[in-house]
Amino acid sequence: MIFKKILILVLFSATSYLTLAQRNVILIIADDLGTDYCGFYENHLDTIAMPNIRRLLNRGVRFNKAWSNPLCSPTRAGILTGRYSFRTGVGNAVGGATSAVLDTAEITIPRMLNKFKPGGYDKANIGKWHLQLPTPISNYIFPNKMGYDHYEGNFTGVVSSYYNWTKVTNGVASTNTNYATTETADNAVSWIKKQNKPFFLWLAFNAPHVPFHLPPKWLHSDTTLSGLDADIAANPKPYFKAALEALDHEIGRVFDSLKRFNKWDSTDIIFIGDNGDDAQVAQNTGGAKGSVYQEGVSVPFIISGPSVSAPGRTSDALVNTHDLFATILDLFGYTNWQTQIPGNKPVDSKSILPILKNKASEIRPWVFTEVFKIPTVAGDGKAMRNKDYKLIDFDNGTQKFFYLTTDPAENKDLLSATLNATDQTNYNYLCSEMTNLLGISRFCGSSSMHSISKNKIITITPNPFTDYINVYPKLNNSNCKLMNCFGQLIYSGRTLETQNFSDLPKGIYFLEITGSIYFMTKLVKE
């Protein structure tokens, strides 16, 4: 009897060790999917049935305040390297002669796994790559050169057609006519079946990214769609939803294969969107994909599997898609990876594992995102938020500041009025942290100034202004200075109210009045 108990204990221990030793991680990326189409997020405005993605919820943690970059390539570069865009140079979607592409010398997740346990893990990237240009064709081998044992998928940012597209397999291109979402799932299932040691799979679907289209009828439930180009152009949302439903169906096949191959219980699964919805289908009146407003960077983010303690939770922790670099390495047991990072390649990623293990409620005090193009365009800028507040600094010098707790839709810019003490403290904190992160000192140039006067109340109207600035009461023998957010003098004199400032760029300015009183305030030019 004692021998039998010892044998059972040994077998149990061996099984437990085997399960731990064979730990796998799959990162699933949905392309152009914000939270507003996900019915398991409270802010969703529309949704479709996503039963397979929902399978992750009961065995995982859903993050409510996750940020990505606003565009595909920067988010992918950030995950792969754990580094912000201003470090990698990838601030825009790769494509075209002026694109900044990801340096193939960057330290990546698969390269780190190779360093941790040479030959110990199988590593595949299946699906969309979108980190380098497809020309010359010798670039097709870059995913393999950057650490993956196997690459198979669409190398560029978009398929020309979901039914006829160029597929690259380990550096070799071919034409594929299988429905792209199905092909990506098929490739994942085939690769998983062959694995006999721990593996990391980066599974990046093209769906529901454009081109909007009619998926095969067995993959979605909308029987009213004609699939005609004119109908798709006039009414893209139902086609977007059909593609999303098809995506969920094919993700379900990947999950079923994990169960069939006895790998489900040893596999941690991460599901994210890479940025917000395409503007053609966005359900909001604010920003969408490409924007640093909430709708451009708030994405579904779930981590599910055996590494999660007390599963079925939601978390309000601030997390960033960049944090997946450290988290994935941590999930494989590579906890001292920081010692392998050279000083000239700083990594910004923070491991989410303490939250997954239910040992911490947060990992960072703020999250950061940015978008920048060559040449720069309107909307380029940086954003940082803490638990309650968010600061946006556009590259044209304009800033906006929001209290997200009561204004999640970012309808009220707090910088258009005088900040109260709490607002000011949070503004100062965020602009200071942004300054420290980027090494640029201009971010605090727009802090709200307190007015100082003696026995007089000064009113400036209108604010925001478009052309003329009026001061009440009228001031005699007082000099006025108008400065931009960089401290550069725009106007100095005693005839402020006669000046037409309509040609000034939009942004934040400061008005200083000196003479019998001293007064300084912030103005917004629209």
Protein backbone atom coordinates (compact mmCIF):
# COMPACT_ATOMS: atom_id res chain seq x y z
CA MET A 1 0.00 0.00 0.00
CA ILE A 2 2.82 2.36 0.93
CA PHE A 3 4.67 1.43 -2.25
CA LYS A 4 1.53 2.17 -4.26
CA LYS A 5 1.18 5.63 -2.68
CA ILE A 6 4.85 6.38 -3.35
CA LEU A 7 4.44 5.28 -6.97
CA ILE A 8 1.39 7.52 -7.39
CA LEU A 9 3.28 10.44 -5.87
CA VAL A 10 6.26 9.89 -8.16
CA LEU A 11 4.03 9.65 -11.21
CA PHE A 12 2.15 12.81 -10.19
CA SER A 13 5.41 14.68 -9.66
CA ALA A 14 6.76 13.50 -12.99
CA THR A 15 3.56 14.55 -14.74
CA SER A 16 3.65 17.95 -13.06
CA TYR A 17 7.30 18.42 -14.02
CA LEU A 18 6.57 17.37 -17.59
CA THR A 19 3.69 19.85 -17.82
CA LEU A 20 5.90 22.63 -16.49
CA ALA A 21 8.80 21.64 -18.73
CA GLN A 22 6.56 21.67 -21.78
CA ARG A 23 5.06 25.08 -21.12
CA ASN A 24 4.03 26.77 -24.37
CA VAL A 25 3.00 30.35 -25.19
CA ILE A 26 0.82 31.50 -28.08
CA LEU A 27 0.36 35.20 -28.85
CA ILE A 28 -2.73 35.81 -31.02
CA ILE A 29 -3.03 39.22 -32.69
CA ALA A 30 -6.26 40.46 -34.26
CA ASP A 31 -5.55 43.18 -36.83
CA ASP A 32 -7.34 46.53 -36.32
CA LEU A 33 -9.60 45.51 -33.43
CA GLY A 34 -10.41 47.88 -30.58
CA THR A 35 -12.47 47.09 -27.51
CA ASP A 36 -15.68 48.65 -28.82
CA TYR A 37 -16.61 45.59 -30.91
CA CYS A 38 -15.81 43.15 -28.10
CA GLY A 39 -18.92 42.26 -26.14
CA PHE A 40 -16.85 41.24 -23.12
CA TYR A 41 -15.72 44.86 -22.65
CA GLU A 42 -18.07 47.25 -20.91
CA ASN A 43 -17.52 50.05 -23.43
CA HIS A 44 -18.57 47.98 -26.44
CA LEU A 45 -21.07 49.66 -28.70
CA ASP A 46 -21.62 46.78 -31.09
CA THR A 47 -20.43 43.20 -31.15
CA ILE A 48 -20.70 39.79 -32.75
CA ALA A 49 -20.62 36.31 -31.27
CA MET A 50 -17.07 35.50 -30.18
CA PRO A 51 -17.51 32.23 -28.27
CA ASN A 52 -13.96 31.04 -28.84
CA ILE A 53 -12.19 34.20 -27.72
CA ARG A 54 -14.54 34.18 -24.73
CA ARG A 55 -13.16 30.72 -23.84
CA LEU A 56 -10.09 32.55 -22.62
CA LEU A 57 -11.95 34.61 -20.02
CA ASN A 58 -12.75 31.91 -17.47
CA ARG A 59 -9.15 30.71 -17.39
CA GLY A 60 -7.47 34.09 -17.64
CA VAL A 61 -7.26 37.78 -16.79
CA ARG A 62 -8.93 40.46 -18.90
CA PHE A 63 -7.19 43.83 -18.81
CA ASN A 64 -9.44 46.88 -18.97
CA LYS A 65 -6.80 49.59 -19.46
CA ALA A 66 -4.45 48.10 -22.02
CA TRP A 67 -2.77 50.32 -24.57
CA SER A 68 -1.10 49.60 -27.89
CA ASN A 69 0.46 51.87 -30.48
CA PRO A 70 -2.05 53.43 -32.88
CA LEU A 71 -0.76 51.48 -35.92
CA CYS A 72 0.19 47.92 -36.87
CA SER A 73 3.96 48.04 -37.36
CA PRO A 74 4.84 50.10 -34.25
CA THR A 75 2.79 47.78 -32.02
CA ARG A 76 4.45 44.68 -33.49
CA ALA A 77 7.91 46.19 -33.20
CA GLY A 78 7.17 47.13 -29.59
CA ILE A 79 6.08 43.61 -28.66
CA LEU A 80 8.95 41.91 -30.45
CA THR A 81 11.63 44.13 -28.87
CA GLY A 82 9.96 45.53 -25.74
CA ARG A 83 11.07 49.00 -26.85
CA TYR A 84 9.12 52.17 -27.52
CA SER A 85 8.85 53.53 -31.05
CA PHE A 86 11.18 56.47 -30.43
CA ARG A 87 13.87 53.86 -29.71
CA THR A 88 13.20 51.49 -32.64
CA GLY A 89 12.37 54.28 -35.11
CA VAL A 90 9.17 52.49 -36.19
CA GLY A 91 6.49 55.10 -35.57
CA ASN A 92 4.32 54.48 -38.63
CA ALA A 93 2.94 51.55 -40.59
CA VAL A 94 5.75 50.14 -42.73
CA GLY A 95 5.23 50.72 -46.45
CA GLY A 96 6.72 53.09 -48.99
CA ALA A 97 10.11 54.60 -49.62
CA THR A 98 10.08 56.86 -46.55
CA SER A 99 9.13 54.09 -44.10
CA ALA A 100 11.33 53.47 -41.11
CA VAL A 101 11.66 49.70 -40.76
CA LEU A 102 12.70 47.53 -37.83
CA ASP A 103 16.44 47.06 -37.63
CA THR A 104 17.23 43.36 -38.03
CA ALA A 105 19.90 43.74 -35.32
CA GLU A 106 17.25 44.39 -32.63
CA ILE A 107 17.05 42.03 -29.68
CA THR A 108 13.83 40.02 -30.05
CA ILE A 109 11.78 37.53 -28.07
CA PRO A 110 12.92 34.48 -30.11
CA ARG A 111 16.55 35.61 -29.96
CA MET A 112 16.29 35.90 -26.18
CA LEU A 113 14.76 32.42 -25.95
CA ASN A 114 17.65 31.08 -28.04
CA LYS A 115 20.07 32.70 -25.62
CA PHE A 116 18.18 31.38 -22.57
CA LYS A 117 18.04 27.75 -23.73
CA PRO A 118 19.77 27.16 -27.07
CA GLY A 119 17.69 24.66 -29.00
CA GLY A 120 15.29 24.38 -26.07
CA TYR A 121 12.26 25.96 -27.73
CA ASP A 122 10.57 25.84 -31.10
CA LYS A 123 9.66 29.33 -32.28
CA ALA A 124 7.32 30.24 -35.12
CA ASN A 125 5.80 33.40 -36.52
CA ILE A 126 2.69 32.59 -38.54
CA GLY A 127 0.62 35.28 -40.26
CA LYS A 128 1.23 38.98 -40.78
CA TRP A 129 4.79 40.30 -40.37
CA HIS A 130 4.74 44.00 -41.48
CA LEU A 131 8.07 45.06 -39.98
CA GLN A 132 10.19 45.42 -43.12
CA LEU A 133 9.65 46.21 -46.79
CA PRO A 134 9.01 43.33 -49.22
CA THR A 135 11.69 44.58 -51.61
CA PRO A 136 14.21 43.33 -52.33
CA ILE A 137 12.81 39.81 -52.09
CA SER A 138 15.84 38.81 -50.02
CA ASN A 139 14.07 40.63 -47.15
CA TYR A 140 11.61 37.74 -46.97
CA ILE A 141 14.06 35.80 -44.82
CA PHE A 142 14.18 38.52 -42.13
CA PRO A 143 11.72 36.82 -39.70
CA ASN A 144 14.01 33.79 -39.65
CA LYS A 145 17.11 35.94 -39.26
CA MET A 146 15.50 37.66 -36.28
CA GLY A 147 15.21 34.42 -34.35
CA TYR A 148 12.23 32.43 -35.61
CA ASP A 149 12.75 28.81 -36.66
CA HIS A 150 9.73 29.03 -38.93
CA TYR A 151 7.93 31.87 -40.67
CA GLU A 152 4.80 31.46 -42.79
CA GLY A 153 2.36 34.18 -43.76
CA ASN A 154 1.73 37.58 -45.30
CA PHE A 155 4.92 39.65 -45.18
CA THR A 156 3.30 43.01 -45.93
CA GLY A 157 0.73 45.07 -44.06
CA VAL A 158 -2.30 44.03 -46.07
CA VAL A 159 -3.36 41.22 -48.37
CA SER A 160 -4.54 42.42 -51.78
CA SER A 161 -7.41 39.95 -51.49
CA TYR A 162 -8.28 37.48 -48.76
CA TYR A 163 -8.78 34.93 -51.56
CA ASN A 164 -5.65 35.64 -53.62
CA TRP A 165 -2.53 36.80 -51.83
CA THR A 166 1.23 36.39 -51.63
CA LYS A 167 2.40 34.01 -48.93
CA VAL A 168 6.00 33.78 -47.77
CA THR A 169 7.32 30.57 -46.21
CA ASN A 170 10.83 30.77 -44.77
CA GLY A 171 11.96 33.29 -47.35
CA VAL A 172 10.15 31.83 -50.38
CA ALA A 173 7.08 33.57 -51.87
CA SER A 174 4.13 31.86 -53.53
CA THR A 175 0.55 32.70 -54.52
CA ASN A 176 -2.12 31.42 -52.17
CA THR A 177 -5.84 31.25 -52.98
CA ASN A 178 -7.05 29.78 -49.71
CA TYR A 179 -9.09 32.19 -47.57
CA ALA A 180 -6.37 34.03 -45.63
CA THR A 181 -7.87 33.64 -42.15
CA THR A 182 -8.38 29.92 -42.71
CA GLU A 183 -4.90 29.49 -44.18
CA THR A 184 -3.30 31.16 -41.16
CA ALA A 185 -5.23 28.88 -38.80
CA ASP A 186 -4.38 25.80 -40.92
CA ASN A 187 -0.70 26.70 -40.81
CA ALA A 188 -0.82 27.14 -37.04
CA VAL A 189 -2.56 23.80 -36.51
CA SER A 190 -0.06 21.99 -38.76
CA TRP A 191 2.91 23.55 -36.97
CA ILE A 192 1.53 22.85 -33.47
CA LYS A 193 0.95 19.20 -34.38
CA LYS A 194 4.66 18.75 -35.15
CA GLN A 195 5.93 20.15 -31.86
CA ASN A 196 7.49 17.82 -29.33
CA LYS A 197 9.19 20.42 -27.12
CA PRO A 198 8.10 23.73 -25.55
CA PHE A 199 7.16 26.31 -28.15
CA PHE A 200 6.43 29.97 -28.73
CA LEU A 201 3.96 30.80 -31.49
CA TRP A 202 3.34 34.35 -32.69
CA LEU A 203 0.01 33.98 -34.51
CA ALA A 204 -0.90 37.21 -36.32
CA PHE A 205 -4.11 37.14 -38.33
CA ASN A 206 -4.85 39.73 -41.02
CA ALA A 207 -8.51 39.86 -40.03
CA PRO A 208 -10.49 42.00 -39.55
CA HIS A 209 -8.16 44.46 -41.38
CA VAL A 210 -9.15 45.79 -44.80
CA PRO A 211 -9.92 44.88 -47.52
CA PHE A 212 -13.45 44.36 -46.19
CA HIS A 213 -14.92 41.30 -47.86
CA LEU A 214 -17.44 38.48 -47.61
CA PRO A 215 -15.93 35.49 -45.78
CA PRO A 216 -16.94 31.91 -46.68
CA LYS A 217 -20.55 31.35 -45.64
CA TRP A 218 -19.71 28.62 -43.13
CA LEU A 219 -17.58 31.03 -41.10
CA HIS A 220 -20.18 33.70 -40.30
CA SER A 221 -23.90 34.03 -39.65
CA ASP A 222 -24.99 37.06 -41.70
CA THR A 223 -26.98 35.71 -44.65
CA THR A 224 -27.97 39.15 -45.96
CA LEU A 225 -24.60 40.17 -47.38
CA SER A 226 -24.19 40.18 -51.15
CA GLY A 227 -20.43 40.57 -51.24
CA LEU A 228 -20.69 43.04 -54.12
CA ASP A 229 -17.99 45.73 -54.15
CA ALA A 230 -20.57 48.52 -54.19
CA ASP A 231 -22.33 47.10 -51.14
CA ILE A 232 -19.07 46.67 -49.24
CA ALA A 233 -18.02 50.24 -50.03
CA ALA A 234 -21.39 51.68 -48.99
CA ASN A 235 -21.86 49.54 -45.90
CA PRO A 236 -18.54 48.21 -44.55
CA LYS A 237 -19.53 47.50 -40.93
CA PRO A 238 -21.42 44.21 -41.46
CA TYR A 239 -18.53 42.91 -43.56
CA PHE A 240 -16.09 43.89 -40.83
CA LYS A 241 -18.25 42.01 -38.32
CA ALA A 242 -18.48 38.98 -40.60
CA ALA A 243 -14.67 38.90 -40.89
CA LEU A 244 -14.41 39.16 -37.10
CA GLU A 245 -16.85 36.29 -36.66
CA ALA A 246 -14.82 34.22 -39.14
CA LEU A 247 -11.68 35.06 -37.19
CA ASP A 248 -13.22 33.81 -33.97
CA HIS A 249 -14.30 30.59 -35.69
CA GLU A 250 -10.78 29.88 -36.95
CA ILE A 251 -9.19 30.76 -33.61
CA GLY A 252 -11.52 28.12 -32.18
CA ARG A 253 -10.00 25.53 -34.51
CA VAL A 254 -6.55 26.40 -33.18
CA PHE A 255 -7.83 25.95 -29.62
CA ASP A 256 -9.44 22.63 -30.52
CA SER A 257 -6.16 21.41 -31.99
CA LEU A 258 -4.37 22.21 -28.73
CA LYS A 259 -6.84 19.99 -26.92
CA ARG A 260 -6.57 17.27 -29.56
CA PHE A 261 -2.77 17.26 -29.31
CA ASN A 262 -2.86 17.38 -25.46
CA LYS A 263 -1.29 20.82 -25.32
CA TRP A 264 -4.22 22.95 -24.08
CA ASP A 265 -3.44 22.54 -20.39
CA SER A 266 0.24 23.42 -20.87
CA THR A 267 -0.26 26.47 -23.10
CA ASP A 268 -0.60 30.09 -22.05
CA ILE A 269 -2.58 32.08 -24.62
CA ILE A 270 -2.41 35.85 -25.08
CA PHE A 271 -5.06 37.58 -27.19
CA ILE A 272 -4.77 41.24 -28.22
CA GLY A 273 -5.78 43.73 -30.89
CA ASP A 274 -2.86 45.63 -32.39
CA ASN A 275 -4.64 49.01 -32.47
CA GLY A 276 -8.12 50.52 -32.70
CA ASP A 277 -10.67 49.95 -35.46
CA ASP A 278 -10.27 51.27 -38.97
CA ALA A 279 -11.92 54.69 -39.32
CA GLN A 280 -14.40 53.25 -41.84
CA VAL A 281 -15.99 51.07 -39.15
CA ALA A 282 -15.15 52.96 -35.96
CA GLN A 283 -18.19 53.35 -33.72
CA ASN A 284 -17.10 56.55 -32.03
CA THR A 285 -16.91 60.22 -32.91
CA GLY A 286 -13.31 60.61 -31.78
CA GLY A 287 -10.11 59.04 -33.01
CA ALA A 288 -9.70 55.56 -34.47
CA LYS A 289 -6.76 53.60 -35.85
CA GLY A 290 -3.79 55.94 -36.26
CA SER A 291 -4.86 58.24 -33.41
CA VAL A 292 -3.42 58.58 -29.90
CA TYR A 293 -6.93 59.19 -28.60
CA GLN A 294 -8.42 56.32 -26.60
CA GLU A 295 -10.17 54.72 -29.56
CA GLY A 296 -6.87 54.40 -31.41
CA VAL A 297 -4.90 52.71 -28.64
CA SER A 298 -7.38 50.90 -26.33
CA VAL A 299 -7.31 47.25 -27.31
CA PRO A 300 -8.66 43.90 -26.08
CA PHE A 301 -6.00 42.21 -23.98
CA ILE A 302 -6.45 38.80 -22.34
CA ILE A 303 -3.86 36.41 -20.89
CA SER A 304 -5.19 32.94 -20.22
CA GLY A 305 -3.83 29.55 -19.27
CA PRO A 306 -2.04 27.51 -16.60
CA SER A 307 0.14 30.41 -15.43
CA VAL A 308 -2.91 32.35 -14.24
CA SER A 309 -3.82 32.08 -10.56
CA ALA A 310 -7.43 32.72 -9.54
CA PRO A 311 -8.59 32.87 -13.19
CA GLY A 312 -11.74 34.60 -14.35
CA ARG A 313 -10.53 38.00 -13.13
CA THR A 314 -10.50 41.45 -14.66
CA SER A 315 -7.71 43.91 -13.97
CA ASP A 316 -7.62 47.71 -14.08
CA ALA A 317 -3.83 47.69 -14.11
CA LEU A 318 -2.15 49.91 -16.67
CA VAL A 319 -0.50 47.60 -19.20
CA ASN A 320 1.05 48.14 -22.59
CA THR A 321 1.52 45.78 -25.53
CA HIS A 322 5.26 46.42 -25.11
CA ASP A 323 4.97 44.59 -21.78
CA LEU A 324 4.45 41.31 -23.63
CA PHE A 325 8.20 41.10 -24.34
CA ALA A 326 9.06 40.72 -20.64
CA THR A 327 5.90 38.75 -19.87
CA ILE A 328 6.52 36.08 -22.50
CA LEU A 329 10.12 35.61 -21.37
CA ASP A 330 8.89 35.40 -17.77
CA LEU A 331 6.29 32.78 -18.71
CA PHE A 332 9.11 30.60 -20.01
CA GLY A 333 10.99 31.02 -16.73
CA TYR A 334 13.54 33.48 -18.09
CA THR A 335 13.37 35.82 -15.12
CA ASN A 336 16.86 37.35 -15.35
CA TRP A 337 16.64 38.40 -18.98
CA GLN A 338 17.47 42.00 -18.05
CA THR A 339 21.08 40.97 -17.46
CA GLN A 340 21.37 40.17 -21.18
CA ILE A 341 20.25 43.60 -22.38
CA PRO A 342 23.09 45.95 -23.40
CA GLY A 343 23.03 49.51 -22.10
CA ASN A 344 22.63 50.99 -25.57
CA LYS A 345 19.42 49.00 -26.21
CA PRO A 346 17.18 49.85 -23.23
CA VAL A 347 14.00 47.81 -22.95
CA ASP A 348 10.80 49.46 -21.71
CA SER A 349 8.81 46.28 -21.06
CA LYS A 350 7.47 45.31 -17.62
CA SER A 351 6.40 41.74 -16.85
CA ILE A 352 2.71 41.23 -16.18
CA LEU A 353 3.37 37.89 -14.45
CA PRO A 354 2.87 39.31 -10.90
CA ILE A 355 -0.70 40.23 -11.87
CA LEU A 356 -1.27 36.83 -13.49
CA LYS A 357 -0.08 35.16 -10.29
CA ASN A 358 -2.42 37.43 -8.29
CA LYS A 359 0.53 38.80 -6.33
CA ALA A 360 0.22 42.41 -7.50
CA SER A 361 -2.51 44.71 -8.74
CA GLU A 362 -0.28 46.89 -10.93
CA ILE A 363 3.13 46.82 -12.59
CA ARG A 364 3.65 50.42 -13.72
CA PRO A 365 2.37 53.88 -12.75
CA TRP A 366 1.77 55.01 -16.37
CA VAL A 367 1.58 53.80 -19.95
CA PHE A 368 2.92 55.57 -23.02
CA THR A 369 2.18 55.51 -26.73
CA GLU A 370 3.10 57.53 -29.82
CA VAL A 371 2.76 57.85 -33.56
CA PHE A 372 5.06 59.67 -35.98
CA LYS A 373 5.42 59.68 -39.73
CA ILE A 374 7.95 60.85 -42.32
CA PRO A 375 7.15 63.62 -43.14
CA THR A 376 5.11 64.46 -40.07
CA VAL A 377 1.35 64.94 -40.39
CA ALA A 378 -1.44 66.32 -38.24
CA GLY A 379 -2.21 63.91 -35.44
CA ASP A 380 1.38 62.80 -34.89
CA GLY A 381 2.13 62.92 -31.21
CA LYS A 382 2.68 61.21 -27.90
CA ALA A 383 0.35 60.28 -25.07
CA MET A 384 0.79 59.15 -21.49
CA ARG A 385 -1.77 58.24 -18.88
CA ASN A 386 -1.80 57.29 -15.24
CA LYS A 387 -4.75 55.74 -13.44
CA ASP A 388 -7.08 58.71 -13.94
CA TYR A 389 -5.53 61.31 -16.23
CA LYS A 390 -4.18 61.39 -19.77
CA LEU A 391 -1.85 63.92 -21.41
CA ILE A 392 -1.58 64.13 -25.21
CA ASP A 393 1.28 66.14 -26.69
CA PHE A 394 0.99 66.59 -30.44
CA ASP A 395 4.14 67.18 -32.43
CA ASN A 396 2.85 70.63 -33.46
CA GLY A 397 3.12 71.74 -29.80
CA THR A 398 -0.58 71.48 -28.99
CA GLN A 399 -1.53 69.60 -25.83
CA LYS A 400 -4.73 68.09 -24.48
CA PHE A 401 -5.40 66.80 -20.99
CA PHE A 402 -8.28 64.57 -19.91
CA TYR A 403 -9.74 63.12 -16.72
CA LEU A 404 -10.49 59.65 -18.06
CA THR A 405 -12.24 58.40 -14.94
CA THR A 406 -15.30 60.56 -15.66
CA ASP A 407 -14.55 61.39 -19.29
CA PRO A 408 -13.45 58.15 -21.03
CA ALA A 409 -14.57 59.53 -24.40
CA GLU A 410 -12.18 62.50 -24.03
CA ASN A 411 -14.83 65.13 -24.63
CA LYS A 412 -13.55 67.74 -22.18
CA ASP A 413 -10.03 69.09 -22.56
CA LEU A 414 -9.04 70.30 -19.11
CA LEU A 415 -6.44 72.64 -20.59
CA SER A 416 -9.23 74.78 -22.04
CA ALA A 417 -9.90 76.06 -18.51
CA THR A 418 -7.97 76.67 -15.31
CA LEU A 419 -6.76 73.44 -13.72
CA ASN A 420 -7.71 72.75 -10.14
CA ALA A 421 -5.03 71.61 -7.70
CA THR A 422 -5.54 67.90 -8.35
CA ASP A 423 -5.61 68.39 -12.11
CA GLN A 424 -2.42 70.46 -11.92
CA THR A 425 -0.62 67.84 -9.84
CA ASN A 426 -1.45 65.10 -12.32
CA TYR A 427 -0.56 67.29 -15.29
CA ASN A 428 2.81 68.10 -13.72
CA TYR A 429 3.43 64.42 -13.00
CA LEU A 430 2.65 63.23 -16.53
CA CYS A 431 4.56 65.98 -18.31
CA SER A 432 7.52 65.37 -16.00
CA GLU A 433 7.47 61.61 -16.65
CA MET A 434 7.23 62.23 -20.39
CA THR A 435 10.19 64.58 -20.13
CA ASN A 436 12.22 61.98 -18.23
CA LEU A 437 11.31 59.22 -20.68
CA LEU A 438 12.05 61.09 -23.89
CA GLY A 439 14.77 63.46 -22.70
CA ILE A 440 12.90 66.42 -24.19
CA SER A 441 12.09 69.32 -21.90
CA ARG A 442 9.20 70.92 -23.78
CA PHE A 443 6.36 68.80 -22.37
CA CYS A 444 5.85 70.90 -19.25
CA GLY A 445 5.74 74.18 -21.19
CA SER A 446 1.94 74.13 -21.14
CA SER A 447 1.33 73.92 -17.42
CA SER A 448 -1.52 76.03 -16.17
CA MET A 449 -0.27 79.24 -14.61
CA HIS A 450 -1.89 80.72 -11.54
CA SER A 451 -2.96 84.34 -11.95
CA ILE A 452 -1.41 86.83 -9.56
CA SER A 453 -2.91 90.32 -9.18
CA LYS A 454 -3.55 92.88 -6.49
CA ASN A 455 -7.19 93.59 -5.74
CA LYS A 456 -8.18 93.00 -9.37
CA ILE A 457 -9.83 90.15 -11.19
CA ILE A 458 -8.55 89.80 -14.74
CA THR A 459 -10.72 88.17 -17.39
CA ILE A 460 -9.42 87.14 -20.80
CA THR A 461 -11.95 86.46 -23.55
CA PRO A 462 -12.47 84.47 -25.61
CA ASN A 463 -10.50 81.44 -24.51
CA PRO A 464 -10.02 79.52 -26.76
CA PHE A 465 -9.46 82.41 -29.18
CA THR A 466 -9.31 82.52 -32.95
CA ASP A 467 -8.18 86.08 -33.76
CA TYR A 468 -8.53 88.89 -31.20
CA ILE A 469 -7.83 88.76 -27.45
CA ASN A 470 -9.79 90.97 -25.05
CA VAL A 471 -8.74 91.92 -21.51
CA TYR A 472 -11.19 93.03 -18.82
CA PRO A 473 -11.00 95.42 -17.09
CA LYS A 474 -9.08 97.65 -19.48
CA LEU A 475 -5.50 98.04 -18.35
CA ASN A 476 -3.57 101.29 -18.48
CA ASN A 477 0.22 101.48 -18.64
CA SER A 478 0.52 97.69 -18.69
CA ASN A 479 2.70 95.72 -21.07
CA CYS A 480 1.45 92.45 -22.58
CA LYS A 481 3.56 89.55 -23.80
CA LEU A 482 2.18 86.61 -25.75
CA MET A 483 4.43 83.52 -25.90
CA ASN A 484 4.03 80.09 -27.45
CA CYS A 485 4.43 76.84 -25.53
CA PHE A 486 8.18 76.86 -26.22
CA GLY A 487 8.59 80.25 -24.54
CA GLN A 488 9.16 82.08 -27.83
CA LEU A 489 7.88 85.66 -27.87
CA ILE A 490 4.98 86.20 -30.29
CA TYR A 491 3.96 89.73 -29.30
CA SER A 492 5.07 92.40 -26.84
CA GLY A 493 3.43 95.80 -26.41
CA ARG A 494 0.54 97.85 -25.01
CA THR A 495 -1.96 97.33 -27.85
CA LEU A 496 -2.76 93.65 -27.45
CA GLU A 497 -6.47 94.05 -28.15
CA THR A 498 -5.89 95.59 -31.57
CA GLN A 499 -3.74 92.68 -32.75
CA ASN A 500 -5.21 90.08 -35.10
CA PHE A 501 -3.72 86.66 -34.26
CA SER A 502 -5.74 84.67 -36.80
CA ASP A 503 -2.54 83.55 -38.58
CA LEU A 504 -1.10 81.95 -35.46
CA PRO A 505 -0.89 78.13 -35.54
CA LYS A 506 -3.35 76.29 -33.34
CA GLY A 507 -1.93 75.44 -29.95
CA ILE A 508 -1.26 76.65 -26.44
CA TYR A 509 0.02 80.14 -25.62
CA PHE A 510 0.81 82.17 -22.52
CA LEU A 511 -0.20 85.75 -21.84
CA GLU A 512 1.85 87.77 -19.35
CA ILE A 513 0.75 91.24 -18.20
CA THR A 514 3.12 93.47 -16.25
CA GLY A 515 2.85 97.00 -14.90
CA SER A 516 0.64 98.03 -11.99
CA ILE A 517 -0.25 94.34 -11.66
CA TYR A 518 1.32 91.04 -12.56
CA PHE A 519 -0.84 88.47 -14.32
CA MET A 520 -0.11 85.32 -16.32
CA THR A 521 -2.50 82.81 -17.82
CA LYS A 522 -2.73 80.12 -20.46
CA LEU A 523 -4.65 80.58 -23.73
CA VAL A 524 -5.67 78.11 -26.41
CA LYS A 525 -5.66 79.15 -30.07
CA GLU A 526 -8.19 77.36 -32.28
